[in-house]
Amino acid sequence: MKVSIPKGMRDFSPAVMAKRNYIFDTIKKSFQTYGFEQIETPTMENRETLTGKYGDEGDSLIFNVMQRGDKLVNEVIALKNLDELTSSELTVKNFNPSVKNKIVNNFTDGALRYDLTVPFARYVVQHQNEISFPFKRYQIQPVWRADRPQKGRYREFYQCDADIIGSDSLLNEVELVKLFDEVLTNLGMKDFSIKLNNRKILSGIAEVIGRPEMIIPITVAIDKLEKIGLEKVNEELTQRGLSDNELRKIQPLFQIEGSNAEKLAQLSSFLKESEIGLKGIEETQFILNTVADLGLRKAKLEVDVTLARGLDYYTGAIFEVVTNEANMGSICGGGRYADLTGIFGLKDMSGVGISFGADRIYDVMEELNLFPESANTATQVLFINFGDKEAAFALPLVYQLREAGIRTELYPDAAKMKKQMKFANDKQIPFTVMIGEEEMISGKLSVKNMENGEQSTITVEELIKSIN
């Protein structure tokens, strides 16, 4: 048996987990400062809860969960005599689409969560009588997508979400922009951009070119501009049904540039006949003006008229955050959704939320060497074990150091000194303490600095003071 894990999944070592927890703790602290309360939702949702909420491309990346595999075998047998199947036909992917759909519909009643927003909407509907609105929640949990693994893209990854639901106020969008700025600045990033657009603007563009019903296909194509380039986006728009004339009308969208004010002025001219488009510009202007009054620490807030974000449920402001210090793509995102809970039966419950991509943030921080020494939670002091008598003497001292907040271990076995010192080196423990007959009589400790090799005889109080 070859020991391995599935593609797109990862193990995390203690050193990596210390850094990941530093990110989570930093994000969580800001979430709580802004008044968000934590919830969790289950790993698996009912399949119908998730499907139909992310568009065709998103739905295709949902991991369906088969709970009754034995019944699938019986279904396959009923569909086609197994004796007639070739080896290449024994995989579900080789069945025709109607057979595959029947198998999925009949034998997968669960799915791993694709994001945290749709499960949150389900939670709000299910617990609406227990919630005071507007409800500010945060959630830090893993999600799963059957994507093609590559740098910065995994099949299992963590999202750190903050949402405000039950309020139409654009002050919520302002708060979330400020939250992006605070968290990423606290994590040590110095040059990053918060890109801002509005789905009403995109709806206005579709309206102006005469194809309002094409808003979703147009949005999906535009969202790929940075990845595939303008020529490919135009090809995709053509494939999705835009005529040459409609394609010409949309081209000015890709040429809008300048300051935020200049971009909005050009958009206002382009969308002058679209009421919904002008509403999107008005909302964007409010966010820009209010954030400007409050100020930002490190972030640059930039209008990006080609920002679309592919999720179907966004209806207002949309955000995406990129670092300008590393080539990583977006590290955060979010937006306004007018009635996501409506699909579960609770109408007119507007919300807005953002998500921090912890895994991509980790990769950026590692590349830029942004993790502080305080992110290291490894052992600071190791007591060498010379035997039962010495270990019994050392144990109260171990707990004294721990009570002082110093991460301390006693080696559990009276192994050879060489083995214990190698253990300290391997774990990069900076100090070792040796207690023999002389130390037990004097009450002082023999302390070795493992980094420079210096050895000193000091009291436990002096050791605590030197480390703290």
Protein backbone atom coordinates (compact mmCIF):
# COMPACT_ATOMS: atom_id res chain seq x y z
CA MET A 1 0.00 0.00 0.00
CA LYS A 2 1.37 3.39 -1.00
CA VAL A 3 0.85 5.90 1.81
CA SER A 4 -0.56 9.13 0.41
CA ILE A 5 -3.42 11.63 0.63
CA PRO A 6 -5.84 12.74 -2.10
CA LYS A 7 -4.76 15.51 -4.46
CA GLY A 8 -5.59 18.98 -3.24
CA MET A 9 -5.55 17.87 0.43
CA ARG A 10 -2.74 18.62 2.88
CA ASP A 11 -1.23 17.64 6.21
CA PHE A 12 -0.09 20.47 8.50
CA SER A 13 2.96 20.14 10.73
CA PRO A 14 3.11 21.71 14.22
CA ALA A 15 5.22 24.60 12.84
CA VAL A 16 2.71 25.27 10.07
CA MET A 17 -0.23 25.01 12.46
CA ALA A 18 1.36 27.60 14.74
CA LYS A 19 1.44 30.04 11.81
CA ARG A 20 -2.06 29.16 10.65
CA ASN A 21 -3.39 29.73 14.16
CA TYR A 22 -1.66 33.10 14.20
CA ILE A 23 -3.70 34.04 11.10
CA PHE A 24 -6.94 32.65 12.54
CA ASP A 25 -6.40 34.38 15.90
CA THR A 26 -5.64 37.72 14.23
CA ILE A 27 -8.76 37.51 12.05
CA LYS A 28 -10.93 36.31 14.95
CA LYS A 29 -9.78 39.18 17.19
CA SER A 30 -10.88 41.78 14.61
CA PHE A 31 -14.16 39.97 13.96
CA GLN A 32 -14.97 40.13 17.65
CA THR A 33 -13.87 43.77 17.93
CA TYR A 34 -16.38 44.65 15.19
CA GLY A 35 -19.20 42.87 17.05
CA PHE A 36 -19.44 39.63 15.07
CA GLU A 37 -20.52 36.44 16.89
CA GLN A 38 -19.23 32.98 16.03
CA ILE A 39 -21.30 30.09 14.70
CA GLU A 40 -20.44 26.77 13.06
CA THR A 41 -22.38 24.69 10.54
CA PRO A 42 -21.90 20.99 9.72
CA THR A 43 -19.39 19.68 7.21
CA MET A 44 -22.16 18.06 5.18
CA GLU A 45 -25.36 19.78 4.07
CA ASN A 46 -28.33 18.30 2.24
CA ARG A 47 -27.43 18.32 -1.45
CA GLU A 48 -30.42 20.46 -2.41
CA THR A 49 -29.29 23.10 0.10
CA LEU A 50 -26.11 23.73 -1.93
CA THR A 51 -26.93 22.99 -5.56
CA GLY A 52 -28.32 25.74 -7.76
CA LYS A 53 -26.77 28.54 -5.70
CA TYR A 54 -23.33 28.93 -7.33
CA GLY A 55 -24.05 28.75 -11.06
CA ASP A 56 -23.29 25.81 -13.33
CA GLU A 57 -19.52 26.07 -12.88
CA GLY A 58 -19.78 26.24 -9.12
CA ASP A 59 -22.27 23.39 -8.92
CA SER A 60 -19.91 21.19 -10.92
CA LEU A 61 -17.28 21.58 -8.19
CA ILE A 62 -19.49 20.41 -5.32
CA PHE A 63 -18.41 17.14 -3.69
CA ASN A 64 -21.52 14.96 -3.52
CA VAL A 65 -21.63 12.44 -0.69
CA MET A 66 -22.86 8.94 -1.41
CA GLN A 67 -24.42 7.44 1.70
CA ARG A 68 -25.72 4.19 0.24
CA GLY A 69 -23.05 2.78 -2.01
CA ASP A 70 -24.54 -0.71 -2.05
CA LYS A 71 -27.69 0.64 -3.69
CA LEU A 72 -25.58 2.30 -6.37
CA VAL A 73 -24.21 -1.10 -7.35
CA ASN A 74 -27.74 -2.47 -7.66
CA GLU A 75 -28.73 0.53 -9.79
CA VAL A 76 -25.76 -0.03 -12.11
CA ILE A 77 -26.69 -3.68 -12.46
CA ALA A 78 -30.25 -2.68 -13.33
CA LEU A 79 -29.06 -0.15 -15.90
CA LYS A 80 -26.73 -2.46 -17.75
CA ASN A 81 -25.69 -6.06 -17.42
CA LEU A 82 -22.29 -6.03 -15.73
CA ASP A 83 -21.10 -8.87 -17.95
CA GLU A 84 -21.38 -6.49 -20.92
CA LEU A 85 -19.32 -3.71 -19.33
CA THR A 86 -15.72 -3.22 -20.39
CA SER A 87 -13.18 -2.18 -17.77
CA SER A 88 -13.23 1.43 -19.03
CA GLU A 89 -17.01 1.55 -18.57
CA LEU A 90 -16.88 0.63 -14.89
CA THR A 91 -16.46 4.26 -13.84
CA VAL A 92 -19.43 6.55 -13.38
CA LYS A 93 -17.91 9.20 -15.65
CA ASN A 94 -18.27 6.93 -18.69
CA PHE A 95 -22.02 6.55 -18.38
CA ASN A 96 -24.17 8.81 -20.53
CA PRO A 97 -25.37 12.05 -18.85
CA SER A 98 -28.89 10.82 -18.12
CA VAL A 99 -27.53 7.77 -16.33
CA LYS A 100 -25.02 9.87 -14.37
CA ASN A 101 -27.72 12.33 -13.34
CA LYS A 102 -29.98 9.52 -12.23
CA ILE A 103 -27.21 8.02 -10.10
CA VAL A 104 -26.35 11.39 -8.53
CA ASN A 105 -29.99 12.27 -7.85
CA ASN A 106 -30.90 8.89 -6.40
CA PHE A 107 -27.83 8.04 -4.40
CA THR A 108 -26.25 11.27 -3.17
CA ASP A 109 -28.42 13.07 -0.68
CA GLY A 110 -25.56 14.96 0.98
CA ALA A 111 -22.77 17.29 -0.16
CA LEU A 112 -19.67 18.81 1.42
CA ARG A 113 -20.10 22.56 1.89
CA TYR A 114 -18.76 24.59 -1.05
CA ASP A 115 -18.61 27.83 0.91
CA LEU A 116 -19.85 29.21 4.24
CA THR A 117 -22.39 31.71 2.91
CA VAL A 118 -25.13 29.37 1.67
CA PRO A 119 -24.98 27.22 4.85
CA PHE A 120 -25.18 30.50 6.79
CA ALA A 121 -28.35 31.47 4.90
CA ARG A 122 -29.82 28.06 5.73
CA TYR A 123 -28.82 28.57 9.38
CA VAL A 124 -30.53 31.97 9.52
CA VAL A 125 -33.79 30.56 8.16
CA GLN A 126 -33.70 27.53 10.44
CA HIS A 127 -32.87 29.58 13.58
CA GLN A 128 -34.65 32.85 12.72
CA ASN A 129 -36.70 32.84 15.94
CA GLU A 130 -33.50 32.70 18.03
CA ILE A 131 -31.70 35.53 16.20
CA SER A 132 -31.77 39.30 16.81
CA PHE A 133 -31.50 41.17 13.51
CA PRO A 134 -29.37 42.61 12.09
CA PHE A 135 -27.26 39.55 12.84
CA LYS A 136 -23.47 39.79 12.62
CA ARG A 137 -21.86 36.37 12.48
CA TYR A 138 -18.38 35.06 11.80
CA GLN A 139 -17.38 31.55 10.87
CA ILE A 140 -13.95 29.95 10.45
CA GLN A 141 -14.23 26.46 8.95
CA PRO A 142 -12.98 24.37 6.01
CA VAL A 143 -14.82 24.08 2.70
CA TRP A 144 -14.37 21.66 -0.18
CA ARG A 145 -14.31 22.09 -3.95
CA ALA A 146 -13.61 19.47 -6.61
CA ASP A 147 -11.25 21.87 -8.34
CA ARG A 148 -7.99 21.20 -10.19
CA PRO A 149 -5.25 21.59 -7.56
CA GLN A 150 -2.59 24.21 -8.29
CA LYS A 151 -0.63 26.92 -6.48
CA GLY A 152 -2.97 28.75 -4.13
CA ARG A 153 -5.92 26.50 -5.08
CA TYR A 154 -6.78 23.45 -2.99
CA ARG A 155 -9.66 21.02 -2.74
CA GLU A 156 -9.90 21.53 1.00
CA PHE A 157 -9.26 24.98 2.40
CA TYR A 158 -10.38 27.30 5.16
CA GLN A 159 -12.61 30.33 4.81
CA CYS A 160 -12.93 33.02 7.45
CA ASP A 161 -16.28 34.73 6.86
CA ALA A 162 -18.00 37.73 8.40
CA ASP A 163 -21.59 38.54 7.39
CA ILE A 164 -24.21 41.08 8.40
CA ILE A 165 -27.76 40.03 7.57
CA GLY A 166 -31.06 41.84 8.11
CA SER A 167 -29.91 45.32 7.09
CA ASP A 168 -29.84 47.21 3.77
CA SER A 169 -27.52 49.94 5.07
CA LEU A 170 -24.40 50.65 3.01
CA LEU A 171 -22.62 51.44 6.28
CA ASN A 172 -22.20 47.66 6.52
CA GLU A 173 -20.15 47.66 3.30
CA VAL A 174 -18.02 50.48 4.74
CA GLU A 175 -17.43 48.44 7.91
CA LEU A 176 -16.31 45.44 5.87
CA VAL A 177 -13.87 47.52 3.83
CA LYS A 178 -12.40 48.76 7.10
CA LEU A 179 -12.26 45.18 8.37
CA PHE A 180 -10.25 44.08 5.31
CA ASP A 181 -7.84 46.94 5.96
CA GLU A 182 -7.45 46.23 9.68
CA VAL A 183 -6.92 42.47 9.46
CA LEU A 184 -4.43 42.49 6.59
CA THR A 185 -2.51 45.41 8.10
CA ASN A 186 -2.34 43.56 11.43
CA LEU A 187 -0.97 40.54 9.56
CA GLY A 188 1.90 42.68 8.30
CA MET A 189 0.85 43.34 4.71
CA LYS A 190 1.91 46.76 3.45
CA ASP A 191 0.66 47.00 -0.12
CA PHE A 192 -2.73 45.54 -1.04
CA SER A 193 -5.77 46.66 -3.01
CA ILE A 194 -9.46 46.28 -2.22
CA LYS A 195 -11.23 46.13 -5.58
CA LEU A 196 -14.81 47.37 -5.59
CA ASN A 197 -17.64 47.01 -8.08
CA ASN A 198 -21.42 46.58 -7.99
CA ARG A 199 -23.54 43.91 -9.62
CA LYS A 200 -26.13 46.60 -10.41
CA ILE A 201 -23.50 48.22 -12.62
CA LEU A 202 -22.99 44.90 -14.40
CA SER A 203 -26.76 44.49 -14.76
CA GLY A 204 -26.87 48.00 -16.23
CA ILE A 205 -24.20 47.05 -18.77
CA ALA A 206 -26.22 44.01 -19.84
CA GLU A 207 -29.29 46.26 -20.08
CA VAL A 208 -27.51 48.91 -22.18
CA ILE A 209 -26.36 46.38 -24.76
CA GLY A 210 -29.92 45.06 -24.97
CA ARG A 211 -29.41 41.69 -23.26
CA PRO A 212 -30.54 42.04 -19.60
CA GLU A 213 -31.32 38.34 -19.48
CA MET A 214 -27.63 37.62 -20.16
CA ILE A 215 -26.34 39.15 -16.92
CA ILE A 216 -25.15 35.81 -15.49
CA PRO A 217 -23.33 34.54 -18.62
CA ILE A 218 -21.80 38.00 -19.14
CA THR A 219 -20.70 38.14 -15.51
CA VAL A 220 -19.13 34.68 -15.64
CA ALA A 221 -17.12 35.63 -18.74
CA ILE A 222 -16.02 39.05 -17.48
CA ASP A 223 -14.87 37.49 -14.21
CA LYS A 224 -12.18 35.63 -16.16
CA LEU A 225 -10.62 38.76 -17.72
CA GLU A 226 -7.39 38.75 -15.68
CA LYS A 227 -6.95 35.00 -16.08
CA ILE A 228 -7.56 34.56 -19.82
CA GLY A 229 -7.31 38.05 -21.35
CA LEU A 230 -9.69 40.21 -23.37
CA GLU A 231 -9.55 38.17 -26.59
CA LYS A 232 -10.61 34.98 -24.84
CA VAL A 233 -13.32 36.80 -22.87
CA ASN A 234 -14.75 38.13 -26.16
CA GLU A 235 -14.64 34.62 -27.60
CA GLU A 236 -16.54 33.30 -24.61
CA LEU A 237 -19.12 36.09 -24.82
CA THR A 238 -19.65 35.19 -28.47
CA GLN A 239 -20.04 31.51 -27.57
CA ARG A 240 -22.56 32.49 -24.89
CA GLY A 241 -24.73 34.19 -27.53
CA LEU A 242 -23.68 37.86 -27.88
CA SER A 243 -23.85 39.19 -31.44
CA ASP A 244 -21.01 41.17 -33.02
CA ASN A 245 -22.99 44.38 -32.47
CA GLU A 246 -23.59 43.58 -28.79
CA LEU A 247 -19.93 42.67 -28.41
CA ARG A 248 -18.92 46.07 -29.83
CA LYS A 249 -21.23 47.83 -27.38
CA ILE A 250 -19.62 46.15 -24.38
CA GLN A 251 -16.00 46.92 -25.36
CA PRO A 252 -15.90 50.39 -23.69
CA LEU A 253 -16.28 48.55 -20.38
CA PHE A 254 -12.80 47.10 -20.82
CA GLN A 255 -11.23 50.49 -21.59
CA ILE A 256 -12.40 52.42 -18.53
CA GLU A 257 -9.41 53.68 -16.53
CA GLY A 258 -8.15 56.55 -14.38
CA SER A 259 -8.95 57.51 -10.79
CA ASN A 260 -12.04 56.18 -9.02
CA ALA A 261 -13.86 59.44 -9.79
CA GLU A 262 -12.88 59.27 -13.47
CA LYS A 263 -13.99 55.64 -13.74
CA LEU A 264 -17.38 56.41 -12.22
CA ALA A 265 -17.79 59.43 -14.52
CA GLN A 266 -17.14 57.25 -17.59
CA LEU A 267 -19.53 54.61 -16.25
CA SER A 268 -22.21 57.24 -15.63
CA SER A 269 -22.00 58.27 -19.27
CA PHE A 270 -22.10 54.65 -20.47
CA LEU A 271 -25.06 53.77 -18.21
CA LYS A 272 -27.04 57.01 -18.51
CA GLU A 273 -30.08 55.12 -19.86
CA SER A 274 -29.99 52.40 -17.18
CA GLU A 275 -31.72 53.12 -13.87
CA ILE A 276 -30.27 50.06 -12.17
CA GLY A 277 -26.77 50.84 -13.47
CA LEU A 278 -26.92 54.40 -12.12
CA LYS A 279 -28.13 53.02 -8.77
CA GLY A 280 -25.02 50.86 -8.64
CA ILE A 281 -22.83 53.91 -9.30
CA GLU A 282 -24.62 55.83 -6.53
CA GLU A 283 -24.00 53.01 -4.03
CA THR A 284 -20.36 52.74 -5.05
CA GLN A 285 -19.88 56.49 -4.65
CA PHE A 286 -21.31 56.39 -1.12
CA ILE A 287 -18.91 53.63 -0.08
CA LEU A 288 -15.92 55.49 -1.57
CA ASN A 289 -16.84 58.79 0.07
CA THR A 290 -17.51 57.31 3.51
CA VAL A 291 -14.34 55.22 3.53
CA ALA A 292 -12.36 58.28 2.41
CA ASP A 293 -13.72 60.23 5.38
CA LEU A 294 -12.68 57.46 7.79
CA GLY A 295 -9.35 56.72 6.12
CA LEU A 296 -7.51 53.45 5.54
CA ARG A 297 -4.29 52.26 7.17
CA LYS A 298 -2.61 50.39 4.29
CA ALA A 299 -5.25 49.37 1.75
CA LYS A 300 -5.96 51.05 -1.57
CA LEU A 301 -9.68 51.09 -2.43
CA GLU A 302 -10.05 50.87 -6.20
CA VAL A 303 -13.08 50.75 -8.48
CA ASP A 304 -12.70 47.82 -10.91
CA VAL A 305 -15.49 47.77 -13.47
CA THR A 306 -14.49 44.32 -14.72
CA LEU A 307 -14.72 42.75 -11.26
CA ALA A 308 -17.69 40.39 -11.42
CA ARG A 309 -17.19 37.49 -8.98
CA GLY A 310 -18.85 34.42 -10.38
CA LEU A 311 -21.31 33.59 -7.60
CA ASP A 312 -24.90 34.05 -8.77
CA TYR A 313 -26.28 35.28 -5.46
CA TYR A 314 -24.49 38.68 -5.38
CA THR A 315 -26.80 41.63 -6.12
CA GLY A 316 -24.99 44.78 -4.94
CA ALA A 317 -21.47 45.80 -3.94
CA ILE A 318 -18.79 43.19 -4.61
CA PHE A 319 -15.24 43.08 -3.26
CA GLU A 320 -11.99 41.36 -4.05
CA VAL A 321 -8.64 41.87 -2.33
CA VAL A 322 -5.26 41.30 -3.97
CA THR A 323 -1.79 41.77 -2.57
CA ASN A 324 0.53 43.85 -4.71
CA GLU A 325 3.60 42.27 -3.08
CA ALA A 326 3.14 38.69 -4.33
CA ASN A 327 1.63 36.96 -7.35
CA MET A 328 -1.25 35.15 -5.70
CA GLY A 329 -4.56 36.34 -7.18
CA SER A 330 -7.36 37.27 -4.82
CA ILE A 331 -6.85 36.58 -1.12
CA CYS A 332 -10.25 37.87 0.08
CA GLY A 333 -13.63 38.56 -1.45
CA GLY A 334 -17.29 39.16 -0.76
CA GLY A 335 -20.37 41.15 -1.60
CA ARG A 336 -24.02 42.08 -1.04
CA TYR A 337 -26.79 39.53 -1.56
CA ALA A 338 -30.38 40.81 -1.52
CA ASP A 339 -32.40 37.68 -0.81
CA LEU A 340 -30.23 34.59 -0.36
CA THR A 341 -32.46 33.37 2.48
CA GLY A 342 -35.45 33.68 0.16
CA ILE A 343 -34.57 30.40 -1.52
CA PHE A 344 -35.11 28.75 1.86
CA GLY A 345 -38.40 30.55 2.52
CA LEU A 346 -37.38 33.71 4.42
CA LYS A 347 -38.00 36.62 2.05
CA ASP A 348 -36.52 40.14 1.99
CA MET A 349 -33.53 39.45 4.22
CA SER A 350 -30.65 41.39 2.68
CA GLY A 351 -27.12 40.64 3.74
CA VAL A 352 -23.50 41.44 2.95
CA GLY A 353 -20.40 39.46 3.78
CA ILE A 354 -16.70 38.98 3.17
CA SER A 355 -14.33 36.05 3.31
CA PHE A 356 -10.62 35.88 4.11
CA GLY A 357 -8.81 33.10 2.23
CA ALA A 358 -6.61 31.83 5.06
CA ASP A 359 -4.63 29.43 2.87
CA ARG A 360 -3.69 32.04 0.30
CA ILE A 361 -2.95 34.56 3.05
CA TYR A 362 -0.62 31.95 4.59
CA ASP A 363 1.21 31.47 1.28
CA VAL A 364 1.61 35.24 0.86
CA MET A 365 2.90 35.70 4.41
CA GLU A 366 5.34 32.83 4.02
CA GLU A 367 6.64 34.26 0.73
CA LEU A 368 7.04 37.75 2.25
CA ASN A 369 8.41 36.44 5.58
CA LEU A 370 5.69 38.21 7.56
CA PHE A 371 5.22 35.73 10.41
CA PRO A 372 6.57 37.15 13.69
CA GLU A 373 8.59 35.14 16.20
CA SER A 374 5.55 35.22 18.48
CA ALA A 375 3.76 32.96 15.99
CA ASN A 376 6.09 30.16 17.07
CA THR A 377 4.44 28.05 19.78
CA ALA A 378 7.21 25.46 20.08
CA THR A 379 8.72 24.46 23.43
CA GLN A 380 11.06 27.08 24.92
CA VAL A 381 12.67 25.07 27.72
CA LEU A 382 13.46 21.35 27.96
CA PHE A 383 14.45 19.76 31.28
CA ILE A 384 16.90 16.90 30.71
CA ASN A 385 15.91 13.70 32.53
CA PHE A 386 18.80 12.06 34.45
CA GLY A 387 16.65 9.62 36.43
CA ASP A 388 13.68 9.26 38.77
CA LYS A 389 15.12 11.37 41.60
CA GLU A 390 16.15 14.22 39.29
CA ALA A 391 12.84 14.10 37.39
CA ALA A 392 10.87 14.30 40.65
CA PHE A 393 12.92 17.39 41.62
CA ALA A 394 12.41 18.96 38.18
CA LEU A 395 8.63 18.50 37.90
CA PRO A 396 7.61 21.35 40.27
CA LEU A 397 10.04 23.65 38.42
CA VAL A 398 8.49 22.66 35.09
CA TYR A 399 5.07 23.73 36.36
CA GLN A 400 6.52 26.93 37.82
CA LEU A 401 7.81 27.89 34.37
CA ARG A 402 4.50 26.96 32.75
CA GLU A 403 2.59 29.14 35.23
CA ALA A 404 4.87 31.99 34.16
CA GLY A 405 3.72 31.43 30.57
CA ILE A 406 6.87 29.66 29.37
CA ARG A 407 6.36 26.62 27.16
CA THR A 408 8.22 23.88 29.03
CA GLU A 409 8.75 20.12 28.80
CA LEU A 410 10.45 17.45 30.87
CA TYR A 411 11.92 14.68 28.72
CA PRO A 412 9.86 11.65 29.85
CA ASP A 413 12.61 9.01 29.88
CA ALA A 414 16.09 8.88 31.40
CA ALA A 415 17.62 8.36 27.96
CA LYS A 416 21.22 9.04 26.98
CA MET A 417 22.20 12.71 27.07
CA LYS A 418 23.05 12.66 23.36
CA LYS A 419 19.52 11.50 22.48
CA GLN A 420 17.87 14.14 24.65
CA MET A 421 20.04 16.95 23.28
CA LYS A 422 19.32 15.79 19.73
CA PHE A 423 15.61 15.96 20.58
CA ALA A 424 16.08 19.58 21.70
CA ASN A 425 17.99 20.43 18.53
CA ASP A 426 15.45 18.74 16.26
CA LYS A 427 12.60 20.70 17.89
CA GLN A 428 14.70 23.90 17.92
CA ILE A 429 14.19 24.32 21.67
CA PRO A 430 16.32 27.32 22.68
CA PHE A 431 17.11 26.32 26.29
CA THR A 432 17.86 23.05 28.07
CA VAL A 433 18.01 22.67 31.86
CA MET A 434 20.20 20.04 33.52
CA ILE A 435 19.65 19.07 37.16
CA GLY A 436 22.06 16.71 38.92
CA GLU A 437 23.16 16.21 42.53
CA GLU A 438 24.93 19.57 42.67
CA GLU A 439 21.92 21.50 41.33
CA MET A 440 19.53 19.79 43.74
CA ILE A 441 21.76 20.79 46.67
CA SER A 442 22.35 24.40 45.54
CA GLY A 443 18.84 25.01 44.22
CA LYS A 444 20.31 26.53 41.06
CA LEU A 445 19.84 25.27 37.53
CA SER A 446 22.40 24.49 34.87
CA VAL A 447 20.96 26.18 31.74
CA LYS A 448 22.37 25.77 28.24
CA ASN A 449 21.58 28.21 25.44
CA MET A 450 21.17 25.84 22.47
CA GLU A 451 21.70 28.61 19.92
CA ASN A 452 25.14 29.80 21.03
CA GLY A 453 26.22 26.93 23.30
CA GLU A 454 26.71 29.14 26.36
CA GLN A 455 26.00 27.53 29.73
CA SER A 456 25.13 29.31 33.00
CA THR A 457 24.06 28.48 36.55
CA ILE A 458 21.01 30.50 37.59
CA THR A 459 17.90 30.32 39.76
CA VAL A 460 14.52 29.42 38.34
CA GLU A 461 13.39 33.04 38.93
CA GLU A 462 16.33 34.32 36.91
CA LEU A 463 15.51 31.86 34.12
CA ILE A 464 11.90 33.07 34.02
CA LYS A 465 13.01 36.70 33.93
CA SER A 466 15.54 36.08 31.13
CA ILE A 467 12.91 34.41 28.91
CA ASN A 468 9.99 36.70 29.66
